[in-house]
Structures are given as structure tokens and as C-alpha cells.
Amino acid sequence: MAPDSRVSRGLSLLDRLYFGYFVSHIPITLLVDVVPLFPSERIPAFMLGLNRFLTEQLSDPFMVIGTTRSDMTWFKSLLACELVFQLPFFFYAAYAIWNRSPARHAPLLVYGAHVSTTMVPILGVLAFGDIERTLNQRLMLGGLYLPYLLIPLSMAFVSFGQCARAISGRQTKEKTS
């Protein structure tokens, strides 16, 4: 019996990056990103400590627990969507990438485009918002948040190319039939 070519060839560098992104994003979502959605008395101490580091040491305006600032409602709604819609998708995406499913590109295109567009205003607030922070804090926050723009943006471009080739190939087959 011939070995499975998916296993013998391995994953491409980008597929490994995307797989790592989704697998690592599962605990990040559960332990960090959704913390501001819950009252502090319901959050374990170690998660509060990490949240405190983000909000006090790095002046992250988004991760503040219990804030009722209406100007942050938009961000909290993004966190709720991450928990309800994106978290289940992370499992699907990791599985589809690991198994090199040809059907992975359309969902990755949608995910990549969605997350890229939500990251632009987040990075804008971090870079130019009126929250007092040092250059070092801005660089640290940028370093934490920027991969969540760049990796999904890459995903969108690569998956768009794959989807366009698939559609073009299908149209060519239909014309020759």
C-alpha cells in the first residue's frame, strides 16, 4: 500500500504557519481574549494576572475588565463574535489545514478578510488613540496585535488565489466539455 501523499509531502511553510496560528489561538481566545466579557469575580486568578499585565503594564485599552465605556462596546462585540463564531472555526481550520483539505481555502478567505478588516481599527486605536502609553508599550502592544492582522491578511490573499484558480479551472473544463 502506498503511503498517504499528504503525510509524506508534509505541510507547506504557510500551512504550518496557519495551523500554528489556529491551534495557538484556541487557548489565547479562552484564556485571554474573552476575559473582558466576564465579571472579575468569575475569572480565575492566573487569568486576572495576565489581564492585569496587559491593562496595567502595557496600557491595553481593550482588555479592561468590567468597563462600561460605551466607546469600547464595538470591541467587546468583536470579542463575543470571536467566542461564538471564530472559536469553533479554529478547530475546523486546524483540522482542514492539517489534512490539506482542498475545501479549506474558501473558509480561510472569508476568515482572513474578516479578521484583517477588524484589526485595522484596533491597531489604529493602539497606535493613535488618546490612551497614554510609552513608545515601549506601543511597540509591545503592536507586537502582540500585529500578527493578527498579517497572518489573516496572508491567509486571505493566498486563499483568494487558490479559489480564483479553482474557479478558473472549473470554467475552463466547462468550456471544453
Protein backbone atom coordinates (compact mmCIF):
# COMPACT_ATOMS: atom_id res chain seq x y z
CA MET A 1 0.00 0.00 0.00
CA ALA A 2 1.40 3.43 -0.97
CA PRO A 3 1.95 5.95 1.81
CA ASP A 4 -0.52 8.79 2.07
CA SER A 5 0.96 11.57 -0.07
CA ARG A 6 -0.38 14.23 2.29
CA VAL A 7 1.73 12.81 5.10
CA SER A 8 4.83 12.06 3.03
CA ARG A 9 4.91 15.53 1.45
CA GLY A 10 4.16 17.32 4.69
CA LEU A 11 2.60 20.74 5.06
CA SER A 12 3.90 23.81 3.28
CA LEU A 13 5.54 26.53 5.33
CA LEU A 14 2.39 28.68 5.09
CA ASP A 15 0.14 25.78 6.04
CA ARG A 16 2.35 25.15 9.09
CA LEU A 17 2.13 28.85 9.99
CA TYR A 18 -1.67 28.85 9.59
CA PHE A 19 -2.02 25.60 11.52
CA GLY A 20 0.08 27.00 14.38
CA TYR A 21 -1.92 30.22 14.29
CA PHE A 22 -5.25 28.42 14.71
CA VAL A 23 -4.04 25.90 17.29
CA SER A 24 -2.42 28.64 19.39
CA HIS A 25 -5.45 30.89 19.01
CA ILE A 26 -7.70 28.40 20.84
CA PRO A 27 -6.09 28.85 24.29
CA ILE A 28 -5.47 32.56 23.61
CA THR A 29 -9.18 33.04 22.95
CA LEU A 30 -10.22 31.07 26.04
CA LEU A 31 -7.60 32.41 28.47
CA VAL A 32 -7.03 35.98 27.29
CA ASP A 33 -9.36 37.38 24.67
CA VAL A 34 -12.73 36.65 26.25
CA VAL A 35 -11.74 37.68 29.79
CA PRO A 36 -13.17 41.23 29.46
CA LEU A 37 -16.58 39.74 28.68
CA PHE A 38 -16.98 38.32 32.19
CA PRO A 39 -17.18 39.86 35.68
CA SER A 40 -13.85 39.75 37.52
CA GLU A 41 -15.22 37.52 40.30
CA ARG A 42 -15.86 34.77 37.71
CA ILE A 43 -12.31 34.84 36.32
CA PRO A 44 -9.54 32.59 37.72
CA ALA A 45 -6.63 34.39 39.41
CA PHE A 46 -4.00 33.44 36.81
CA MET A 47 -6.18 34.88 34.03
CA LEU A 48 -6.69 38.07 36.06
CA GLY A 49 -2.92 38.35 36.46
CA LEU A 50 -2.35 38.12 32.72
CA ASN A 51 -5.14 40.61 32.13
CA ARG A 52 -3.59 42.96 34.70
CA PHE A 53 -0.27 42.76 32.84
CA LEU A 54 -1.96 43.71 29.57
CA THR A 55 -4.01 46.55 31.00
CA GLU A 56 -1.62 47.99 33.59
CA GLN A 57 1.87 47.29 32.23
CA LEU A 58 1.12 47.68 28.52
CA SER A 59 -1.86 50.07 28.76
CA ASP A 60 -4.01 47.88 26.54
CA PRO A 61 -7.31 49.81 26.40
CA PHE A 62 -9.29 46.86 25.04
CA MET A 63 -8.73 44.22 27.69
CA VAL A 64 -10.08 46.16 30.68
CA ILE A 65 -12.46 44.03 32.74
CA GLY A 66 -15.80 45.47 33.76
CA THR A 67 -15.54 48.66 31.75
CA THR A 68 -18.84 50.23 30.86
CA ARG A 69 -17.28 52.73 28.44
CA SER A 70 -19.65 52.88 25.51
CA ASP A 71 -16.75 53.68 23.18
CA MET A 72 -15.46 50.12 23.76
CA THR A 73 -18.77 48.38 23.00
CA TRP A 74 -17.64 47.74 19.44
CA PHE A 75 -14.56 45.88 20.69
CA LYS A 76 -16.50 43.79 23.19
CA SER A 77 -18.89 42.79 20.40
CA LEU A 78 -15.86 41.59 18.41
CA LEU A 79 -14.75 39.52 21.42
CA ALA A 80 -18.22 37.98 21.68
CA CYS A 81 -18.09 37.08 17.98
CA GLU A 82 -14.65 35.57 18.50
CA LEU A 83 -16.01 33.35 21.25
CA VAL A 84 -19.22 32.30 19.48
CA PHE A 85 -18.19 32.13 15.81
CA GLN A 86 -14.41 32.13 15.49
CA LEU A 87 -13.51 29.71 18.28
CA PRO A 88 -15.41 26.79 16.68
CA PHE A 89 -13.89 27.77 13.32
CA PHE A 90 -10.36 27.49 14.77
CA PHE A 91 -10.94 23.76 15.30
CA TYR A 92 -12.31 23.30 11.78
CA ALA A 93 -9.48 25.33 10.22
CA ALA A 94 -6.74 23.47 12.10
CA TYR A 95 -8.27 20.13 11.06
CA ALA A 96 -8.73 21.19 7.42
CA ILE A 97 -5.19 22.54 7.16
CA TRP A 98 -3.67 19.50 8.87
CA ASN A 99 -5.50 17.23 6.42
CA ARG A 100 -4.75 19.52 3.47
CA SER A 101 -8.41 19.70 2.57
CA PRO A 102 -8.89 21.40 -0.79
CA ALA A 103 -12.14 22.85 0.60
CA ARG A 104 -10.23 24.89 3.21
CA HIS A 105 -9.49 27.88 1.01
CA ALA A 106 -12.95 29.47 0.77
CA PRO A 107 -13.49 29.49 4.57
CA LEU A 108 -9.91 30.72 5.12
CA LEU A 109 -10.53 33.52 2.62
CA VAL A 110 -13.64 34.64 4.48
CA TYR A 111 -11.93 34.37 7.88
CA GLY A 112 -8.79 36.16 6.70
CA ALA A 113 -10.74 39.05 5.13
CA HIS A 114 -12.97 39.41 8.19
CA VAL A 115 -10.17 39.41 10.78
CA SER A 116 -7.93 41.69 8.70
CA THR A 117 -10.62 44.33 8.47
CA THR A 118 -11.41 44.14 12.20
CA MET A 119 -7.72 44.51 13.09
CA VAL A 120 -7.26 47.80 11.24
CA PRO A 121 -9.30 49.93 13.69
CA ILE A 122 -7.85 48.02 16.66
CA LEU A 123 -4.29 48.78 15.54
CA GLY A 124 -5.34 52.34 14.75
CA VAL A 125 -6.55 52.89 18.31
CA LEU A 126 -3.39 51.32 19.71
CA ALA A 127 -1.13 53.47 17.53
CA PHE A 128 -3.01 56.77 17.53
CA GLY A 129 -5.61 56.55 20.31
CA ASP A 130 -5.63 59.06 23.16
CA ILE A 131 -4.56 56.49 25.78
CA GLU A 132 -1.34 57.48 27.49
CA ARG A 133 1.38 54.93 26.76
CA THR A 134 5.11 54.96 26.24
CA LEU A 135 6.80 54.11 22.97
CA ASN A 136 7.87 50.79 24.51
CA GLN A 137 4.24 50.00 25.43
CA ARG A 138 3.10 50.90 21.91
CA LEU A 139 5.76 48.63 20.40
CA MET A 140 4.89 45.75 22.74
CA LEU A 141 1.17 46.06 22.02
CA GLY A 142 1.87 46.37 18.30
CA GLY A 143 3.98 43.23 18.50
CA LEU A 144 1.14 41.38 20.24
CA TYR A 145 -1.63 42.54 17.90
CA LEU A 146 0.13 42.88 14.51
CA PRO A 147 0.35 39.12 13.78
CA TYR A 148 -3.45 39.03 14.00
CA LEU A 149 -3.52 41.39 11.01
CA LEU A 150 -0.63 39.98 9.00
CA ILE A 151 -1.38 36.25 9.23
CA PRO A 152 -5.10 36.54 8.36
CA LEU A 153 -4.25 39.02 5.59
CA SER A 154 -1.81 36.49 4.16
CA MET A 155 -4.48 33.81 4.52
CA ALA A 156 -6.94 35.95 2.57
CA PHE A 157 -4.51 36.61 -0.28
CA VAL A 158 -3.31 33.01 -0.58
CA SER A 159 -6.82 31.59 -0.31
CA PHE A 160 -8.16 34.11 -2.81
CA GLY A 161 -5.55 32.92 -5.29
CA GLN A 162 -6.47 29.28 -4.64
CA CYS A 163 -10.19 29.99 -5.01
CA ALA A 164 -9.64 32.00 -8.21
CA ARG A 165 -7.55 29.19 -9.72
CA ALA A 166 -10.21 26.63 -8.78
CA ILE A 167 -12.98 28.72 -10.35
CA SER A 168 -10.89 29.44 -13.44
CA GLY A 169 -10.05 25.74 -13.82
CA ARG A 170 -13.71 24.80 -13.46
CA GLN A 171 -14.74 27.37 -16.07
CA THR A 172 -12.08 26.09 -18.46
CA LYS A 173 -13.31 22.49 -18.02
CA GLU A 174 -16.92 23.59 -18.66
CA LYS A 175 -15.94 25.38 -21.90
CA THR A 176 -14.06 22.35 -23.22
CA SER A 177 -16.88 19.94 -22.37
